[in-house]
Amino acid sequence: MSEWINVERCNGCGICVNLCPRDVIRLDESAKKAVVKYPEDCINCQFCQAYCPQKAINIKFIPRPPLVSWK
């Protein structure tokens, strides 16, 4: 799973940061923009994309390899 935040559109409102259940998105204090800090922890809930008022977040789902069954 990968996320992209359009920094030109992001106004740093922090809605995505507050909505993320896995704390994947953080606010970059110097740039005052949202950044994907821990992409490997994303569960693809898409709350950030759905509630971004600026439509600055675009999530692209990349399927993970299937789990191996150990018997």
PDB file of N, CA and C in Angstrom:
ATOM      1  N   MET A   1       0.845  -1.164   0.000  1.00  0.00           N
ATOM      2  CA  MET A   1       0.000   0.000   0.000  1.00  0.00           C
ATOM      3  C   MET A   1       0.888   1.224   0.000  1.00  0.00           C
ATOM      4  N   SER A   2       0.583   2.167  -0.835  1.00  0.00           N
ATOM      5  CA  SER A   2       1.326   3.421  -0.867  1.00  0.00           C
ATOM      6  C   SER A   2       0.351   4.580  -0.865  1.00  0.00           C
ATOM      7  N   GLU A   3       0.755   5.651  -0.273  1.00  0.00           N
ATOM      8  CA  GLU A   3      -0.051   6.852  -0.247  1.00  0.00           C
ATOM      9  C   GLU A   3       0.744   8.003  -0.836  1.00  0.00           C
ATOM     10  N   TRP A   4       0.014   8.920  -1.413  1.00  0.00           N
ATOM     11  CA  TRP A   4       0.631  10.125  -1.926  1.00  0.00           C
ATOM     12  C   TRP A   4      -0.145  11.314  -1.425  1.00  0.00           C
ATOM     13  N   ILE A   5       0.556  12.299  -0.900  1.00  0.00           N
ATOM     14  CA  ILE A   5      -0.065  13.538  -0.462  1.00  0.00           C
ATOM     15  C   ILE A   5       0.432  14.647  -1.369  1.00  0.00           C
ATOM     16  N   ASN A   6      -0.503  15.319  -2.008  1.00  0.00           N
ATOM     17  CA  ASN A   6      -0.176  16.437  -2.879  1.00  0.00           C
ATOM     18  C   ASN A   6       0.107  17.646  -1.997  1.00  0.00           C
ATOM     19  N   VAL A   7       1.381  17.984  -1.835  1.00  0.00           N
ATOM     20  CA  VAL A   7       1.767  19.067  -0.925  1.00  0.00           C
ATOM     21  C   VAL A   7       1.302  20.430  -1.424  1.00  0.00           C
ATOM     22  N   GLU A   8       1.050  20.549  -2.700  1.00  0.00           N
ATOM     23  CA  GLU A   8       0.539  21.820  -3.224  1.00  0.00           C
ATOM     24  C   GLU A   8      -0.915  22.038  -2.808  1.00  0.00           C
ATOM     25  N   ARG A   9      -1.660  20.951  -2.663  1.00  0.00           N
ATOM     26  CA  ARG A   9      -3.055  21.048  -2.248  1.00  0.00           C
ATOM     27  C   ARG A   9      -3.230  21.036  -0.733  1.00  0.00           C
ATOM     28  N   CYS A  10      -2.334  20.356  -0.028  1.00  0.00           N
ATOM     29  CA  CYS A  10      -2.447  20.212   1.423  1.00  0.00           C
ATOM     30  C   CYS A  10      -2.325  21.576   2.098  1.00  0.00           C
ATOM     31  N   ASN A  11      -3.297  21.890   2.979  1.00  0.00           N
ATOM     32  CA  ASN A  11      -3.239  23.161   3.701  1.00  0.00           C
ATOM     33  C   ASN A  11      -2.836  22.972   5.164  1.00  0.00           C
ATOM     34  N   GLY A  12      -2.480  21.731   5.533  1.00  0.00           N
ATOM     35  CA  GLY A  12      -2.009  21.462   6.881  1.00  0.00           C
ATOM     36  C   GLY A  12      -3.085  21.496   7.948  1.00  0.00           C
ATOM     37  N   CYS A  13      -4.325  21.231   7.574  1.00  0.00           N
ATOM     38  CA  CYS A  13      -5.436  21.305   8.533  1.00  0.00           C
ATOM     39  C   CYS A  13      -5.350  20.237   9.621  1.00  0.00           C
ATOM     40  N   GLY A  14      -4.720  19.089   9.330  1.00  0.00           N
ATOM     41  CA  GLY A  14      -4.535  18.040  10.324  1.00  0.00           C
ATOM     42  C   GLY A  14      -5.680  17.052  10.444  1.00  0.00           C
ATOM     43  N   ILE A  15      -6.698  17.176   9.615  1.00  0.00           N
ATOM     44  CA  ILE A  15      -7.824  16.242   9.674  1.00  0.00           C
ATOM     45  C   ILE A  15      -7.349  14.812   9.436  1.00  0.00           C
ATOM     46  N   CYS A  16      -6.509  14.612   8.453  1.00  0.00           N
ATOM     47  CA  CYS A  16      -6.005  13.268   8.150  1.00  0.00           C
ATOM     48  C   CYS A  16      -5.191  12.706   9.310  1.00  0.00           C
ATOM     49  N   VAL A  17      -4.428  13.553   9.963  1.00  0.00           N
ATOM     50  CA  VAL A  17      -3.615  13.132  11.102  1.00  0.00           C
ATOM     51  C   VAL A  17      -4.516  12.646  12.239  1.00  0.00           C
ATOM     52  N   ASN A  18      -5.570  13.381  12.498  1.00  0.00           N
ATOM     53  CA  ASN A  18      -6.493  13.026  13.578  1.00  0.00           C
ATOM     54  C   ASN A  18      -7.331  11.795  13.258  1.00  0.00           C
ATOM     55  N   LEU A  19      -7.618  11.551  11.992  1.00  0.00           N
ATOM     56  CA  LEU A  19      -8.457  10.421  11.595  1.00  0.00           C
ATOM     57  C   LEU A  19      -7.706   9.104  11.486  1.00  0.00           C
ATOM     58  N   CYS A  20      -6.424   9.140  11.245  1.00  0.00           N
ATOM     59  CA  CYS A  20      -5.666   7.919  10.969  1.00  0.00           C
ATOM     60  C   CYS A  20      -5.628   6.999  12.193  1.00  0.00           C
ATOM     61  N   PRO A  21      -6.230   5.799  12.093  1.00  0.00           N
ATOM     62  CA  PRO A  21      -6.263   4.902  13.247  1.00  0.00           C
ATOM     63  C   PRO A  21      -4.916   4.259  13.574  1.00  0.00           C
ATOM     64  N   ARG A  22      -3.966   4.298  12.644  1.00  0.00           N
ATOM     65  CA  ARG A  22      -2.663   3.667  12.870  1.00  0.00           C
ATOM     66  C   ARG A  22      -1.532   4.674  13.029  1.00  0.00           C
ATOM     67  N   ASP A  23      -1.866   5.969  13.083  1.00  0.00           N
ATOM     68  CA  ASP A  23      -0.869   7.022  13.282  1.00  0.00           C
ATOM     69  C   ASP A  23       0.178   7.036  12.165  1.00  0.00           C
ATOM     70  N   VAL A  24      -0.275   6.767  10.949  1.00  0.00           N
ATOM     71  CA  VAL A  24       0.608   6.697   9.788  1.00  0.00           C
ATOM     72  C   VAL A  24       0.976   8.095   9.285  1.00  0.00           C
ATOM     73  N   ILE A  25       0.026   9.005   9.357  1.00  0.00           N
ATOM     74  CA  ILE A  25       0.229  10.355   8.832  1.00  0.00           C
ATOM     75  C   ILE A  25       0.553  11.297   9.984  1.00  0.00           C
ATOM     76  N   ARG A  26       1.548  12.126   9.757  1.00  0.00           N
ATOM     77  CA  ARG A  26       1.961  13.130  10.744  1.00  0.00           C
ATOM     78  C   ARG A  26       2.003  14.493  10.076  1.00  0.00           C
ATOM     79  N   LEU A  27       2.010  15.526  10.885  1.00  0.00           N
ATOM     80  CA  LEU A  27       2.122  16.879  10.366  1.00  0.00           C
ATOM     81  C   LEU A  27       3.573  17.317  10.452  1.00  0.00           C
ATOM     82  N   ASP A  28       4.146  17.678   9.330  1.00  0.00           N
ATOM     83  CA  ASP A  28       5.510  18.192   9.297  1.00  0.00           C
ATOM     84  C   ASP A  28       5.454  19.630   9.814  1.00  0.00           C
ATOM     85  N   GLU A  29       6.020  19.846  10.988  1.00  0.00           N
ATOM     86  CA  GLU A  29       5.935  21.157  11.636  1.00  0.00           C
ATOM     87  C   GLU A  29       6.610  22.270  10.837  1.00  0.00           C
ATOM     88  N   SER A  30       7.711  21.967  10.174  1.00  0.00           N
ATOM     89  CA  SER A  30       8.411  23.018   9.431  1.00  0.00           C
ATOM     90  C   SER A  30       7.683  23.394   8.144  1.00  0.00           C
ATOM     91  N   ALA A  31       7.158  22.396   7.434  1.00  0.00           N
ATOM     92  CA  ALA A  31       6.461  22.664   6.173  1.00  0.00           C
ATOM     93  C   ALA A  31       4.976  22.935   6.378  1.00  0.00           C
ATOM     94  N   LYS A  32       4.439  22.583   7.565  1.00  0.00           N
ATOM     95  CA  LYS A  32       3.008  22.724   7.857  1.00  0.00           C
ATOM     96  C   LYS A  32       2.162  21.947   6.863  1.00  0.00           C
ATOM     97  N   LYS A  33       2.635  20.746   6.535  1.00  0.00           N
ATOM     98  CA  LYS A  33       1.947  19.859   5.599  1.00  0.00           C
ATOM     99  C   LYS A  33       1.902  18.449   6.173  1.00  0.00           C
ATOM    100  N   ALA A  34       0.929  17.674   5.732  1.00  0.00           N
ATOM    101  CA  ALA A  34       0.842  16.277   6.152  1.00  0.00           C
ATOM    102  C   ALA A  34       1.874  15.448   5.399  1.00  0.00           C
ATOM    103  N   VAL A  35       2.448  14.480   6.092  1.00  0.00           N
ATOM    104  CA  VAL A  35       3.409  13.565   5.483  1.00  0.00           C
ATOM    105  C   VAL A  35       3.096  12.137   5.925  1.00  0.00           C
ATOM    106  N   VAL A  36       3.378  11.190   5.054  1.00  0.00           N
ATOM    107  CA  VAL A  36       3.201   9.779   5.389  1.00  0.00           C
ATOM    108  C   VAL A  36       4.475   9.343   6.091  1.00  0.00           C
ATOM    109  N   LYS A  37       4.378   9.146   7.390  1.00  0.00           N
ATOM    110  CA  LYS A  37       5.561   8.844   8.188  1.00  0.00           C
ATOM    111  C   LYS A  37       5.830   7.345   8.279  1.00  0.00           C
ATOM    112  N   TYR A  38       4.765   6.544   8.372  1.00  0.00           N
ATOM    113  CA  TYR A  38       4.922   5.103   8.545  1.00  0.00           C
ATOM    114  C   TYR A  38       4.041   4.347   7.538  1.00  0.00           C
ATOM    115  N   PRO A  39       4.391   4.364   6.255  1.00  0.00           N
ATOM    116  CA  PRO A  39       3.545   3.735   5.232  1.00  0.00           C
ATOM    117  C   PRO A  39       3.343   2.238   5.438  1.00  0.00           C
ATOM    118  N   GLU A  40       4.311   1.572   6.055  1.00  0.00           N
ATOM    119  CA  GLU A  40       4.200   0.126   6.263  1.00  0.00           C
ATOM    120  C   GLU A  40       3.116  -0.228   7.282  1.00  0.00           C
ATOM    121  N   ASP A  41       2.683   0.732   8.072  1.00  0.00           N
ATOM    122  CA  ASP A  41       1.636   0.494   9.073  1.00  0.00           C
ATOM    123  C   ASP A  41       0.228   0.795   8.565  1.00  0.00           C
ATOM    124  N   CYS A  42       0.120   1.305   7.350  1.00  0.00           N
ATOM    125  CA  CYS A  42      -1.187   1.679   6.790  1.00  0.00           C
ATOM    126  C   CYS A  42      -2.049   0.434   6.554  1.00  0.00           C
ATOM    127  N   ILE A  43      -3.318   0.522   6.959  1.00  0.00           N
ATOM    128  CA  ILE A  43      -4.248  -0.595   6.772  1.00  0.00           C
ATOM    129  C   ILE A  43      -5.254  -0.314   5.653  1.00  0.00           C
ATOM    130  N   ASN A  44      -5.027   0.739   4.884  1.00  0.00           N
ATOM    131  CA  ASN A  44      -5.845   1.077   3.723  1.00  0.00           C
ATOM    132  C   ASN A  44      -7.305   1.363   4.103  1.00  0.00           C
ATOM    133  N   CYS A  45      -7.527   2.014   5.229  1.00  0.00           N
ATOM    134  CA  CYS A  45      -8.897   2.349   5.640  1.00  0.00           C
ATOM    135  C   CYS A  45      -9.474   3.475   4.786  1.00  0.00           C
ATOM    136  N   GLN A  46      -8.617   4.304   4.221  1.00  0.00           N
ATOM    137  CA  GLN A  46      -8.952   5.398   3.322  1.00  0.00           C
ATOM    138  C   GLN A  46      -9.707   6.544   3.985  1.00  0.00           C
ATOM    139  N   PHE A  47      -9.690   6.626   5.325  1.00  0.00           N
ATOM    140  CA  PHE A  47     -10.321   7.758   6.003  1.00  0.00           C
ATOM    141  C   PHE A  47      -9.657   9.069   5.593  1.00  0.00           C
ATOM    142  N   CYS A  48      -8.337   9.057   5.501  1.00  0.00           N
ATOM    143  CA  CYS A  48      -7.611  10.284   5.160  1.00  0.00           C
ATOM    144  C   CYS A  48      -8.038  10.821   3.802  1.00  0.00           C
ATOM    145  N   GLN A  49      -8.155   9.936   2.842  1.00  0.00           N
ATOM    146  CA  GLN A  49      -8.556  10.346   1.493  1.00  0.00           C
ATOM    147  C   GLN A  49     -10.001  10.818   1.467  1.00  0.00           C
ATOM    148  N   ALA A  50     -10.875  10.107   2.142  1.00  0.00           N
ATOM    149  CA  ALA A  50     -12.297  10.429   2.118  1.00  0.00           C
ATOM    150  C   ALA A  50     -12.626  11.767   2.779  1.00  0.00           C
ATOM    151  N   TYR A  51     -11.901  12.116   3.836  1.00  0.00           N
ATOM    152  CA  TYR A  51     -12.242  13.312   4.601  1.00  0.00           C
ATOM    153  C   TYR A  51     -11.336  14.506   4.362  1.00  0.00           C
ATOM    154  N   CYS A  52     -10.374  14.390   3.469  1.00  0.00           N
ATOM    155  CA  CYS A  52      -9.499  15.532   3.173  1.00  0.00           C
ATOM    156  C   CYS A  52     -10.302  16.610   2.434  1.00  0.00           C
ATOM    157  N   PRO A  53     -10.479  17.784   3.041  1.00  0.00           N
ATOM    158  CA  PRO A  53     -11.279  18.824   2.392  1.00  0.00           C
ATOM    159  C   PRO A  53     -10.616  19.391   1.137  1.00  0.00           C
ATOM    160  N   GLN A  54      -9.307  19.235   1.023  1.00  0.00           N
ATOM    161  CA  GLN A  54      -8.575  19.763  -0.130  1.00  0.00           C
ATOM    162  C   GLN A  54      -8.387  18.721  -1.230  1.00  0.00           C
ATOM    163  N   LYS A  55      -8.826  17.480  -0.975  1.00  0.00           N
ATOM    164  CA  LYS A  55      -8.625  16.365  -1.918  1.00  0.00           C
ATOM    165  C   LYS A  55      -7.141  16.222  -2.260  1.00  0.00           C
ATOM    166  N   ALA A  56      -6.305  16.327  -1.221  1.00  0.00           N
ATOM    167  CA  ALA A  56      -4.853  16.288  -1.401  1.00  0.00           C
ATOM    168  C   ALA A  56      -4.273  14.887  -1.262  1.00  0.00           C
ATOM    169  N   ILE A  57      -5.107  13.911  -0.864  1.00  0.00           N
ATOM    170  CA  ILE A  57      -4.594  12.564  -0.629  1.00  0.00           C
ATOM    171  C   ILE A  57      -5.165  11.606  -1.658  1.00  0.00           C
ATOM    172  N   ASN A  58      -4.276  10.830  -2.267  1.00  0.00           N
ATOM    173  CA  ASN A  58      -4.671   9.837  -3.258  1.00  0.00           C
ATOM    174  C   ASN A  58      -3.993   8.522  -2.892  1.00  0.00           C
ATOM    175  N   ILE A  59      -4.808   7.545  -2.500  1.00  0.00           N
ATOM    176  CA  ILE A  59      -4.277   6.249  -2.097  1.00  0.00           C
ATOM    177  C   ILE A  59      -4.330   5.289  -3.275  1.00  0.00           C
ATOM    178  N   LYS A  60      -3.232   4.630  -3.513  1.00  0.00           N
ATOM    179  CA  LYS A  60      -3.147   3.596  -4.540  1.00  0.00           C
ATOM    180  C   LYS A  60      -2.866   2.282  -3.835  1.00  0.00           C
ATOM    181  N   PHE A  61      -3.742   1.326  -3.999  1.00  0.00           N
ATOM    182  CA  PHE A  61      -3.572   0.040  -3.334  1.00  0.00           C
ATOM    183  C   PHE A  61      -2.630  -0.836  -4.139  1.00  0.00           C
ATOM    184  N   ILE A  62      -1.621  -1.371  -3.462  1.00  0.00           N
ATOM    185  CA  ILE A  62      -0.691  -2.315  -4.062  1.00  0.00           C
ATOM    186  C   ILE A  62      -0.866  -3.633  -3.323  1.00  0.00           C
ATOM    187  N   PRO A  63      -1.390  -4.665  -3.986  1.00  0.00           N
ATOM    188  CA  PRO A  63      -1.633  -5.931  -3.290  1.00  0.00           C
ATOM    189  C   PRO A  63      -0.354  -6.516  -2.701  1.00  0.00           C
ATOM    190  N   ARG A  64      -0.505  -7.081  -1.529  1.00  0.00           N
ATOM    191  CA  ARG A  64       0.618  -7.749  -0.872  1.00  0.00           C
ATOM    192  C   ARG A  64       0.653  -9.199  -1.325  1.00  0.00           C
ATOM    193  N   PRO A  65       1.806  -9.839  -1.239  1.00  0.00           N
ATOM    194  CA  PRO A  65       1.866 -11.261  -1.604  1.00  0.00           C
ATOM    195  C   PRO A  65       0.997 -12.082  -0.663  1.00  0.00           C
ATOM    196  N   PRO A  66       0.466 -13.210  -1.134  1.00  0.00           N
ATOM    197  CA  PRO A  66      -0.398 -14.026  -0.269  1.00  0.00           C
ATOM    198  C   PRO A  66       0.368 -14.584   0.925  1.00  0.00           C
ATOM    199  N   LEU A  67      -0.368 -14.799   1.991  1.00  0.00           N
ATOM    200  CA  LEU A  67       0.243 -15.374   3.183  1.00  0.00           C
ATOM    201  C   LEU A  67       0.548 -16.856   2.931  1.00  0.00           C
ATOM    202  N   VAL A  68       1.641 -17.315   3.507  1.00  0.00           N
ATOM    203  CA  VAL A  68       2.034 -18.715   3.369  1.00  0.00           C
ATOM    204  C   VAL A  68       1.442 -19.484   4.524  1.00  0.00           C
ATOM    205  N   SER A  69       0.831 -20.598   4.219  1.00  0.00           N
ATOM    206  CA  SER A  69       0.241 -21.439   5.250  1.00  0.00           C
ATOM    207  C   SER A  69       1.273 -22.455   5.705  1.00  0.00           C
ATOM    208  N   TRP A  70       1.570 -22.446   7.000  1.00  0.00           N
ATOM    209  CA  TRP A  70       2.538 -23.395   7.567  1.00  0.00           C
ATOM    210  C   TRP A  70       1.752 -24.510   8.251  1.00  0.00           C
ATOM    211  N   LYS A  71       1.953 -25.726   7.778  1.00  0.00           N
ATOM    212  CA  LYS A  71       1.235 -26.869   8.360  1.00  0.00           C
ATOM    213  C   LYS A  71       2.194 -27.828   9.017  1.00  0.00           C
TER     214      LYS A  71
END
